[in-house]
Amino acid sequence: RLTTTTATDRQTLDALAANPAGIAVAPAGLEREGVRPVGLAAAFP
């Protein structure tokens, strides 16, 4: 169940930065002002 489906990982983080109620899945190590990783990368090799 996804509220928003994007075309790219960059669009995913852009959508998250504009939505305080959002939670997103994207490759580890990405940086974007307004978002932060939770730190679950080790769980999803």
All heavy atoms as atom14 arrays in JSON, in Angstrom:
{
  "sequence": "RLTTTTATDRQTLDALAANPAGIAVAPAGLEREGVRPVGLAAAFP",
  "atom14_mask": [
    [1, 1, 1, 1, 1, 1, 1, 1, 1, 1, 1, 0, 0, 0],
    [1, 1, 1, 1, 1, 1, 1, 1, 0, 0, 0, 0, 0, 0],
    [1, 1, 1, 1, 1, 1, 1, 0, 0, 0, 0, 0, 0, 0],
    [1, 1, 1, 1, 1, 1, 1, 0, 0, 0, 0, 0, 0, 0],
    [1, 1, 1, 1, 1, 1, 1, 0, 0, 0, 0, 0, 0, 0],
    [1, 1, 1, 1, 1, 1, 1, 0, 0, 0, 0, 0, 0, 0],
    [1, 1, 1, 1, 1, 0, 0, 0, 0, 0, 0, 0, 0, 0],
    [1, 1, 1, 1, 1, 1, 1, 0, 0, 0, 0, 0, 0, 0],
    [1, 1, 1, 1, 1, 1, 1, 1, 0, 0, 0, 0, 0, 0],
    [1, 1, 1, 1, 1, 1, 1, 1, 1, 1, 1, 0, 0, 0],
    [1, 1, 1, 1, 1, 1, 1, 1, 1, 0, 0, 0, 0, 0],
    [1, 1, 1, 1, 1, 1, 1, 0, 0, 0, 0, 0, 0, 0],
    [1, 1, 1, 1, 1, 1, 1, 1, 0, 0, 0, 0, 0, 0],
    [1, 1, 1, 1, 1, 1, 1, 1, 0, 0, 0, 0, 0, 0],
    [1, 1, 1, 1, 1, 0, 0, 0, 0, 0, 0, 0, 0, 0],
    [1, 1, 1, 1, 1, 1, 1, 1, 0, 0, 0, 0, 0, 0],
    [1, 1, 1, 1, 1, 0, 0, 0, 0, 0, 0, 0, 0, 0],
    [1, 1, 1, 1, 1, 0, 0, 0, 0, 0, 0, 0, 0, 0],
    [1, 1, 1, 1, 1, 1, 1, 1, 0, 0, 0, 0, 0, 0],
    [1, 1, 1, 1, 1, 1, 1, 0, 0, 0, 0, 0, 0, 0],
    [1, 1, 1, 1, 1, 0, 0, 0, 0, 0, 0, 0, 0, 0],
    [1, 1, 1, 1, 0, 0, 0, 0, 0, 0, 0, 0, 0, 0],
    [1, 1, 1, 1, 1, 1, 1, 1, 0, 0, 0, 0, 0, 0],
    [1, 1, 1, 1, 1, 0, 0, 0, 0, 0, 0, 0, 0, 0],
    [1, 1, 1, 1, 1, 1, 1, 0, 0, 0, 0, 0, 0, 0],
    [1, 1, 1, 1, 1, 0, 0, 0, 0, 0, 0, 0, 0, 0],
    [1, 1, 1, 1, 1, 1, 1, 0, 0, 0, 0, 0, 0, 0],
    [1, 1, 1, 1, 1, 0, 0, 0, 0, 0, 0, 0, 0, 0],
    [1, 1, 1, 1, 0, 0, 0, 0, 0, 0, 0, 0, 0, 0],
    [1, 1, 1, 1, 1, 1, 1, 1, 0, 0, 0, 0, 0, 0],
    [1, 1, 1, 1, 1, 1, 1, 1, 1, 0, 0, 0, 0, 0],
    [1, 1, 1, 1, 1, 1, 1, 1, 1, 1, 1, 0, 0, 0],
    [1, 1, 1, 1, 1, 1, 1, 1, 1, 0, 0, 0, 0, 0],
    [1, 1, 1, 1, 0, 0, 0, 0, 0, 0, 0, 0, 0, 0],
    [1, 1, 1, 1, 1, 1, 1, 0, 0, 0, 0, 0, 0, 0],
    [1, 1, 1, 1, 1, 1, 1, 1, 1, 1, 1, 0, 0, 0],
    [1, 1, 1, 1, 1, 1, 1, 0, 0, 0, 0, 0, 0, 0],
    [1, 1, 1, 1, 1, 1, 1, 0, 0, 0, 0, 0, 0, 0],
    [1, 1, 1, 1, 0, 0, 0, 0, 0, 0, 0, 0, 0, 0],
    [1, 1, 1, 1, 1, 1, 1, 1, 0, 0, 0, 0, 0, 0],
    [1, 1, 1, 1, 1, 0, 0, 0, 0, 0, 0, 0, 0, 0],
    [1, 1, 1, 1, 1, 0, 0, 0, 0, 0, 0, 0, 0, 0],
    [1, 1, 1, 1, 1, 0, 0, 0, 0, 0, 0, 0, 0, 0],
    [1, 1, 1, 1, 1, 1, 1, 1, 1, 1, 1, 0, 0, 0],
    [1, 1, 1, 1, 1, 1, 1, 0, 0, 0, 0, 0, 0, 0]
  ],
  "atom14_positions": [
    [[0.85, -1.18, 0.0], [0.0, 0.0, 0.0], [0.89, 1.24, 0.0], [1.65, 1.48, 0.93], [-0.94, 0.01, 1.21], [-0.26, -0.25, 2.55], [-1.22, -0.11, 3.69], [-0.56, -0.31, 4.97], [-1.1, 0.01, 6.13], [-2.3, 0.55, 6.17], [-0.44, -0.2, 7.26], [0.0, 0.0, 0.0], [0.0, 0.0, 0.0], [0.0, 0.0, 0.0]],
    [[0.84, 1.99, -1.08], [1.61, 3.22, -1.21], [0.67, 4.39, -1.41], [-0.21, 4.35, -2.27], [2.58, 3.14, -2.39], [3.8, 2.23, -2.24], [4.64, 2.28, -3.5], [4.63, 2.62, -1.03], [0.0, 0.0, 0.0], [0.0, 0.0, 0.0], [0.0, 0.0, 0.0], [0.0, 0.0, 0.0], [0.0, 0.0, 0.0], [0.0, 0.0, 0.0]],
    [[0.89, 5.45, -0.62], [0.13, 6.68, -0.82], [0.59, 7.38, -2.09], [-0.21, 7.92, -2.85], [0.32, 7.62, 0.39], [0.03, 6.9, 1.58], [-0.59, 8.84, 0.28], [0.0, 0.0, 0.0], [0.0, 0.0, 0.0], [0.0, 0.0, 0.0], [0.0, 0.0, 0.0], [0.0, 0.0, 0.0], [0.0, 0.0, 0.0], [0.0, 0.0, 0.0]],
    [[1.9, 7.36, -2.32], [2.49, 8.02, -3.48], [3.5, 7.1, -4.14], [4.4, 6.57, -3.48], [3.2, 9.32, -3.08], [2.27, 10.19, -2.43], [3.79, 10.03, -4.3], [0.0, 0.0, 0.0], [0.0, 0.0, 0.0], [0.0, 0.0, 0.0], [0.0, 0.0, 0.0], [0.0, 0.0, 0.0], [0.0, 0.0, 0.0], [0.0, 0.0, 0.0]],
    [[3.37, 6.89, -5.45], [4.34, 6.13, -6.23], [5.07, 7.08, -7.16], [4.43, 7.81, -7.92], [3.66, 5.03, -7.06], [2.93, 4.16, -6.19], [4.69, 4.21, -7.82], [0.0, 0.0, 0.0], [0.0, 0.0, 0.0], [0.0, 0.0, 0.0], [0.0, 0.0, 0.0], [0.0, 0.0, 0.0], [0.0, 0.0, 0.0], [0.0, 0.0, 0.0]],
    [[6.39, 7.11, -7.09], [7.18, 8.04, -7.9], [7.91, 7.3, -9.0], [7.94, 6.07, -9.04], [8.19, 8.78, -7.02], [9.14, 7.82, -6.5], [7.51, 9.49, -5.85], [0.0, 0.0, 0.0], [0.0, 0.0, 0.0], [0.0, 0.0, 0.0], [0.0, 0.0, 0.0], [0.0, 0.0, 0.0], [0.0, 0.0, 0.0], [0.0, 0.0, 0.0]],
    [[8.55, 8.08, -9.89], [9.31, 7.49, -10.99], [10.77, 7.27, -10.63], [11.42, 6.36, -11.16], [9.2, 8.38, -12.23], [0.0, 0.0, 0.0], [0.0, 0.0, 0.0], [0.0, 0.0, 0.0], [0.0, 0.0, 0.0], [0.0, 0.0, 0.0], [0.0, 0.0, 0.0], [0.0, 0.0, 0.0], [0.0, 0.0, 0.0], [0.0, 0.0, 0.0]],
    [[11.32, 8.1, -9.73], [12.73, 8.01, -9.38], [12.92, 8.17, -7.87], [12.04, 8.65, -7.17], [13.54, 9.12, -10.08], [13.15, 10.4, -9.55], [13.32, 9.09, -11.59], [0.0, 0.0, 0.0], [0.0, 0.0, 0.0], [0.0, 0.0, 0.0], [0.0, 0.0, 0.0], [0.0, 0.0, 0.0], [0.0, 0.0, 0.0], [0.0, 0.0, 0.0]],
    [[14.09, 7.78, -7.41], [14.4, 7.93, -5.99], [14.46, 9.41, -5.59], [14.09, 9.77, -4.48], [15.72, 7.24, -5.66], [15.64, 5.73, -5.84], [14.61, 5.14, -5.45], [16.59, 5.14, -6.38], [0.0, 0.0, 0.0], [0.0, 0.0, 0.0], [0.0, 0.0, 0.0], [0.0, 0.0, 0.0], [0.0, 0.0, 0.0], [0.0, 0.0, 0.0]],
    [[14.96, 10.24, -6.48], [15.0, 11.67, -6.19], [13.6, 12.22, -6.0], [13.35, 13.02, -5.08], [15.74, 12.41, -7.32], [15.87, 13.92, -7.08], [16.52, 14.24, -5.75], [17.8, 13.58, -5.57], [18.47, 13.56, -4.43], [17.93, 14.11, -3.34], [19.63, 12.95, -4.34], [0.0, 0.0, 0.0], [0.0, 0.0, 0.0], [0.0, 0.0, 0.0]],
    [[12.68, 11.81, -6.85], [11.29, 12.26, -6.69], [10.7, 11.74, -5.38], [9.89, 12.42, -4.75], [10.45, 11.77, -7.87], [10.74, 12.49, -9.18], [9.89, 11.97, -10.32], [8.96, 11.19, -10.12], [10.22, 12.38, -11.53], [0.0, 0.0, 0.0], [0.0, 0.0, 0.0], [0.0, 0.0, 0.0], [0.0, 0.0, 0.0], [0.0, 0.0, 0.0]],
    [[11.13, 10.55, -4.96], [10.65, 10.0, -3.69], [11.05, 10.92, -2.54], [10.22, 11.27, -1.68], [11.24, 8.59, -3.46], [10.71, 7.7, -4.44], [10.88, 8.08, -2.07], [0.0, 0.0, 0.0], [0.0, 0.0, 0.0], [0.0, 0.0, 0.0], [0.0, 0.0, 0.0], [0.0, 0.0, 0.0], [0.0, 0.0, 0.0], [0.0, 0.0, 0.0]],
    [[12.31, 11.32, -2.49], [12.77, 12.18, -1.4], [12.18, 13.59, -1.51], [11.92, 14.23, -0.49], [14.3, 12.23, -1.37], [15.0, 10.9, -1.06], [16.49, 11.14, -0.83], [14.39, 10.21, 0.15], [0.0, 0.0, 0.0], [0.0, 0.0, 0.0], [0.0, 0.0, 0.0], [0.0, 0.0, 0.0], [0.0, 0.0, 0.0], [0.0, 0.0, 0.0]],
    [[11.95, 14.07, -2.72], [11.29, 15.37, -2.9], [9.88, 15.33, -2.33], [9.43, 16.26, -1.65], [11.24, 15.76, -4.38], [12.6, 16.15, -4.93], [13.53, 16.4, -4.13], [12.74, 16.21, -6.17], [0.0, 0.0, 0.0], [0.0, 0.0, 0.0], [0.0, 0.0, 0.0], [0.0, 0.0, 0.0], [0.0, 0.0, 0.0], [0.0, 0.0, 0.0]],
    [[9.17, 14.23, -2.63], [7.8, 14.09, -2.12], [7.79, 13.99, -0.6], [6.91, 14.54, 0.07], [7.14, 12.84, -2.73], [0.0, 0.0, 0.0], [0.0, 0.0, 0.0], [0.0, 0.0, 0.0], [0.0, 0.0, 0.0], [0.0, 0.0, 0.0], [0.0, 0.0, 0.0], [0.0, 0.0, 0.0], [0.0, 0.0, 0.0], [0.0, 0.0, 0.0]],
    [[8.78, 13.31, -0.03], [8.87, 13.19, 1.41], [9.18, 14.53, 2.06], [8.61, 14.88, 3.1], [9.94, 12.17, 1.78], [10.19, 11.95, 3.28], [8.92, 11.48, 3.99], [11.32, 10.95, 3.5], [0.0, 0.0, 0.0], [0.0, 0.0, 0.0], [0.0, 0.0, 0.0], [0.0, 0.0, 0.0], [0.0, 0.0, 0.0], [0.0, 0.0, 0.0]],
    [[10.07, 15.3, 1.46], [10.44, 16.61, 2.01], [9.25, 17.54, 2.07], [9.2, 18.45, 2.91], [11.56, 17.23, 1.18], [0.0, 0.0, 0.0], [0.0, 0.0, 0.0], [0.0, 0.0, 0.0], [0.0, 0.0, 0.0], [0.0, 0.0, 0.0], [0.0, 0.0, 0.0], [0.0, 0.0, 0.0], [0.0, 0.0, 0.0], [0.0, 0.0, 0.0]],
    [[8.27, 17.31, 1.2], [7.08, 18.16, 1.16], [5.94, 17.61, 2.01], [4.87, 18.23, 2.08], [6.61, 18.32, -0.29], [0.0, 0.0, 0.0], [0.0, 0.0, 0.0], [0.0, 0.0, 0.0], [0.0, 0.0, 0.0], [0.0, 0.0, 0.0], [0.0, 0.0, 0.0], [0.0, 0.0, 0.0], [0.0, 0.0, 0.0], [0.0, 0.0, 0.0]],
    [[6.17, 16.47, 2.68], [5.09, 15.82, 3.42], [5.58, 15.35, 4.79], [6.15, 14.26, 4.91], [4.56, 14.63, 2.62], [3.38, 13.96, 3.27], [2.95, 14.34, 4.36], [2.84, 12.93, 2.62], [0.0, 0.0, 0.0], [0.0, 0.0, 0.0], [0.0, 0.0, 0.0], [0.0, 0.0, 0.0], [0.0, 0.0, 0.0], [0.0, 0.0, 0.0]],
    [[5.35, 16.13, 5.84], [5.8, 15.74, 7.19], [5.22, 14.42, 7.67], [5.8, 13.78, 8.56], [5.31, 16.91, 8.06], [5.21, 18.07, 7.13], [4.74, 17.47, 5.84], [0.0, 0.0, 0.0], [0.0, 0.0, 0.0], [0.0, 0.0, 0.0], [0.0, 0.0, 0.0], [0.0, 0.0, 0.0], [0.0, 0.0, 0.0], [0.0, 0.0, 0.0]],
    [[4.09, 13.98, 7.11], [3.48, 12.72, 7.53], [3.95, 11.53, 6.7], [3.44, 10.44, 6.83], [1.96, 12.83, 7.44], [0.0, 0.0, 0.0], [0.0, 0.0, 0.0], [0.0, 0.0, 0.0], [0.0, 0.0, 0.0], [0.0, 0.0, 0.0], [0.0, 0.0, 0.0], [0.0, 0.0, 0.0], [0.0, 0.0, 0.0], [0.0, 0.0, 0.0]],
    [[4.96, 11.76, 5.87], [5.41, 10.7, 4.97], [6.49, 9.81, 5.55], [7.2, 10.17, 6.49], [0.0, 0.0, 0.0], [0.0, 0.0, 0.0], [0.0, 0.0, 0.0], [0.0, 0.0, 0.0], [0.0, 0.0, 0.0], [0.0, 0.0, 0.0], [0.0, 0.0, 0.0], [0.0, 0.0, 0.0], [0.0, 0.0, 0.0], [0.0, 0.0, 0.0]],
    [[6.6, 8.63, 4.96], [7.69, 7.7, 5.24], [8.03, 7.06, 3.9], [7.14, 6.71, 3.13], [7.29, 6.66, 6.3], [8.5, 5.79, 6.7], [6.15, 5.77, 5.82], [8.25, 4.93, 7.93], [0.0, 0.0, 0.0], [0.0, 0.0, 0.0], [0.0, 0.0, 0.0], [0.0, 0.0, 0.0], [0.0, 0.0, 0.0], [0.0, 0.0, 0.0]],
    [[9.32, 6.96, 3.59], [9.72, 6.55, 2.25], [10.75, 5.44, 2.25], [11.5, 5.27, 3.21], [10.26, 7.76, 1.48], [0.0, 0.0, 0.0], [0.0, 0.0, 0.0], [0.0, 0.0, 0.0], [0.0, 0.0, 0.0], [0.0, 0.0, 0.0], [0.0, 0.0, 0.0], [0.0, 0.0, 0.0], [0.0, 0.0, 0.0], [0.0, 0.0, 0.0]],
    [[10.79, 4.72, 1.14], [11.81, 3.71, 0.88], [12.68, 4.21, -0.27], [12.17, 4.61, -1.32], [11.18, 2.36, 0.49], [12.26, 1.36, 0.08], [10.37, 1.8, 1.64], [0.0, 0.0, 0.0], [0.0, 0.0, 0.0], [0.0, 0.0, 0.0], [0.0, 0.0, 0.0], [0.0, 0.0, 0.0], [0.0, 0.0, 0.0], [0.0, 0.0, 0.0]],
    [[14.0, 4.21, -0.07], [14.94, 4.65, -1.1], [16.31, 4.06, -0.78], [16.54, 3.59, 0.34], [15.01, 6.17, -1.17], [0.0, 0.0, 0.0], [0.0, 0.0, 0.0], [0.0, 0.0, 0.0], [0.0, 0.0, 0.0], [0.0, 0.0, 0.0], [0.0, 0.0, 0.0], [0.0, 0.0, 0.0], [0.0, 0.0, 0.0], [0.0, 0.0, 0.0]],
    [[17.24, 4.05, -1.75], [18.57, 3.5, -1.47], [19.26, 4.21, -0.31], [19.12, 5.42, -0.12], [19.32, 3.74, -2.78], [18.25, 3.72, -3.82], [17.09, 4.4, -3.17], [0.0, 0.0, 0.0], [0.0, 0.0, 0.0], [0.0, 0.0, 0.0], [0.0, 0.0, 0.0], [0.0, 0.0, 0.0], [0.0, 0.0, 0.0], [0.0, 0.0, 0.0]],
    [[19.99, 3.45, 0.48], [20.72, 4.02, 1.61], [21.78, 5.01, 1.12], [22.31, 4.88, 0.03], [21.37, 2.9, 2.41], [0.0, 0.0, 0.0], [0.0, 0.0, 0.0], [0.0, 0.0, 0.0], [0.0, 0.0, 0.0], [0.0, 0.0, 0.0], [0.0, 0.0, 0.0], [0.0, 0.0, 0.0], [0.0, 0.0, 0.0], [0.0, 0.0, 0.0]],
    [[22.06, 5.99, 1.97], [23.12, 6.94, 1.66], [22.71, 8.17, 0.9], [23.54, 9.05, 0.65], [0.0, 0.0, 0.0], [0.0, 0.0, 0.0], [0.0, 0.0, 0.0], [0.0, 0.0, 0.0], [0.0, 0.0, 0.0], [0.0, 0.0, 0.0], [0.0, 0.0, 0.0], [0.0, 0.0, 0.0], [0.0, 0.0, 0.0], [0.0, 0.0, 0.0]],
    [[21.45, 8.27, 0.51], [20.99, 9.45, -0.21], [20.84, 10.62, 0.77], [20.52, 10.44, 1.94], [19.66, 9.19, -0.9], [19.64, 8.12, -2.0], [18.26, 8.03, -2.63], [20.7, 8.41, -3.06], [0.0, 0.0, 0.0], [0.0, 0.0, 0.0], [0.0, 0.0, 0.0], [0.0, 0.0, 0.0], [0.0, 0.0, 0.0], [0.0, 0.0, 0.0]],
    [[21.08, 11.82, 0.26], [20.92, 13.01, 1.08], [19.99, 13.99, 0.39], [20.06, 14.19, -0.82], [22.28, 13.68, 1.33], [23.24, 12.83, 2.14], [24.54, 13.55, 2.43], [24.72, 14.68, 1.93], [25.39, 12.98, 3.16], [0.0, 0.0, 0.0], [0.0, 0.0, 0.0], [0.0, 0.0, 0.0], [0.0, 0.0, 0.0], [0.0, 0.0, 0.0]],
    [[19.13, 14.6, 1.2], [18.2, 15.6, 0.68], [17.76, 16.46, 1.85], [17.37, 15.93, 2.9], [17.0, 14.91, 0.04], [16.24, 15.71, -1.02], [15.36, 16.76, -0.43], [14.48, 17.39, -1.45], [13.83, 18.5, -1.24], [13.93, 19.16, -0.08], [13.06, 19.0, -2.19], [0.0, 0.0, 0.0], [0.0, 0.0, 0.0], [0.0, 0.0, 0.0]],
    [[17.85, 17.75, 1.71], [17.45, 18.64, 2.79], [15.98, 18.4, 3.13], [15.13, 18.28, 2.25], [17.63, 20.1, 2.36], [17.33, 21.1, 3.47], [17.6, 22.53, 3.05], [18.1, 22.74, 1.92], [17.3, 23.44, 3.85], [0.0, 0.0, 0.0], [0.0, 0.0, 0.0], [0.0, 0.0, 0.0], [0.0, 0.0, 0.0], [0.0, 0.0, 0.0]],
    [[15.69, 18.29, 4.41], [14.31, 18.09, 4.85], [13.93, 16.66, 5.16], [12.82, 16.41, 5.63], [0.0, 0.0, 0.0], [0.0, 0.0, 0.0], [0.0, 0.0, 0.0], [0.0, 0.0, 0.0], [0.0, 0.0, 0.0], [0.0, 0.0, 0.0], [0.0, 0.0, 0.0], [0.0, 0.0, 0.0], [0.0, 0.0, 0.0], [0.0, 0.0, 0.0]],
    [[14.84, 15.72, 4.91], [14.55, 14.31, 5.22], [15.74, 13.7, 5.95], [16.85, 14.21, 5.89], [14.24, 13.49, 3.94], [13.17, 14.17, 3.11], [15.5, 13.28, 3.12], [0.0, 0.0, 0.0], [0.0, 0.0, 0.0], [0.0, 0.0, 0.0], [0.0, 0.0, 0.0], [0.0, 0.0, 0.0], [0.0, 0.0, 0.0], [0.0, 0.0, 0.0]],
    [[15.49, 12.58, 6.63], [16.57, 11.87, 7.32], [16.31, 10.37, 7.27], [15.17, 9.91, 7.23], [16.68, 12.33, 8.77], [15.47, 12.0, 9.64], [15.67, 12.43, 11.09], [14.51, 12.11, 11.92], [14.3, 10.94, 12.51], [15.19, 9.96, 12.36], [13.22, 10.73, 13.25], [0.0, 0.0, 0.0], [0.0, 0.0, 0.0], [0.0, 0.0, 0.0]],
    [[17.37, 9.57, 7.26], [17.2, 8.11, 7.26], [16.9, 7.61, 8.66], [17.34, 8.19, 9.65], [18.56, 7.6, 6.77], [19.53, 8.65, 7.24], [18.79, 9.95, 7.11], [0.0, 0.0, 0.0], [0.0, 0.0, 0.0], [0.0, 0.0, 0.0], [0.0, 0.0, 0.0], [0.0, 0.0, 0.0], [0.0, 0.0, 0.0], [0.0, 0.0, 0.0]],
    [[16.14, 6.53, 8.74], [15.85, 5.91, 10.02], [16.98, 4.97, 10.41], [17.25, 4.76, 11.59], [14.5, 5.15, 9.95], [14.27, 4.33, 11.21], [13.36, 6.14, 9.74], [0.0, 0.0, 0.0], [0.0, 0.0, 0.0], [0.0, 0.0, 0.0], [0.0, 0.0, 0.0], [0.0, 0.0, 0.0], [0.0, 0.0, 0.0], [0.0, 0.0, 0.0]],
    [[17.67, 4.41, 9.41], [18.8, 3.54, 9.7], [18.47, 2.07, 9.71], [18.92, 1.33, 10.58], [0.0, 0.0, 0.0], [0.0, 0.0, 0.0], [0.0, 0.0, 0.0], [0.0, 0.0, 0.0], [0.0, 0.0, 0.0], [0.0, 0.0, 0.0], [0.0, 0.0, 0.0], [0.0, 0.0, 0.0], [0.0, 0.0, 0.0], [0.0, 0.0, 0.0]],
    [[17.7, 1.61, 8.73], [17.35, 0.2, 8.64], [18.02, -0.49, 7.46], [17.62, -1.58, 7.06], [15.83, 0.04, 8.5], [15.03, -0.07, 9.79], [13.55, -0.3, 9.46], [15.52, -1.19, 10.68], [0.0, 0.0, 0.0], [0.0, 0.0, 0.0], [0.0, 0.0, 0.0], [0.0, 0.0, 0.0], [0.0, 0.0, 0.0], [0.0, 0.0, 0.0]],
    [[19.06, 0.14, 6.91], [19.67, -0.41, 5.69], [20.14, -1.85, 5.87], [20.02, -2.67, 4.96], [20.85, 0.47, 5.26], [0.0, 0.0, 0.0], [0.0, 0.0, 0.0], [0.0, 0.0, 0.0], [0.0, 0.0, 0.0], [0.0, 0.0, 0.0], [0.0, 0.0, 0.0], [0.0, 0.0, 0.0], [0.0, 0.0, 0.0], [0.0, 0.0, 0.0]],
    [[20.66, -2.18, 7.06], [21.17, -3.53, 7.28], [20.08, -4.59, 7.19], [20.36, -5.77, 6.95], [21.85, -3.61, 8.64], [0.0, 0.0, 0.0], [0.0, 0.0, 0.0], [0.0, 0.0, 0.0], [0.0, 0.0, 0.0], [0.0, 0.0, 0.0], [0.0, 0.0, 0.0], [0.0, 0.0, 0.0], [0.0, 0.0, 0.0], [0.0, 0.0, 0.0]],
    [[18.82, -4.16, 7.35], [17.7, -5.12, 7.3], [17.29, -5.47, 5.88], [16.58, -6.44, 5.68], [16.5, -4.54, 8.06], [0.0, 0.0, 0.0], [0.0, 0.0, 0.0], [0.0, 0.0, 0.0], [0.0, 0.0, 0.0], [0.0, 0.0, 0.0], [0.0, 0.0, 0.0], [0.0, 0.0, 0.0], [0.0, 0.0, 0.0], [0.0, 0.0, 0.0]],
    [[17.74, -4.67, 4.91], [17.28, -4.87, 3.53], [18.45, -4.98, 2.55], [18.62, -4.15, 1.67], [16.35, -3.74, 3.11], [15.18, -3.56, 4.01], [14.99, -2.38, 4.71], [14.26, -4.58, 4.2], [13.9, -2.21, 5.55], [13.18, -4.42, 5.05], [13.01, -3.24, 5.73], [0.0, 0.0, 0.0], [0.0, 0.0, 0.0], [0.0, 0.0, 0.0]],
    [[19.31, -5.99, 2.69], [20.37, -6.18, 1.7], [19.76, -6.52, 0.35], [18.67, -7.1, 0.29], [21.17, -7.36, 2.28], [20.16, -8.12, 3.07], [19.25, -7.09, 3.66], [0.0, 0.0, 0.0], [0.0, 0.0, 0.0], [0.0, 0.0, 0.0], [0.0, 0.0, 0.0], [0.0, 0.0, 0.0], [0.0, 0.0, 0.0], [0.0, 0.0, 0.0]]
  ]
}
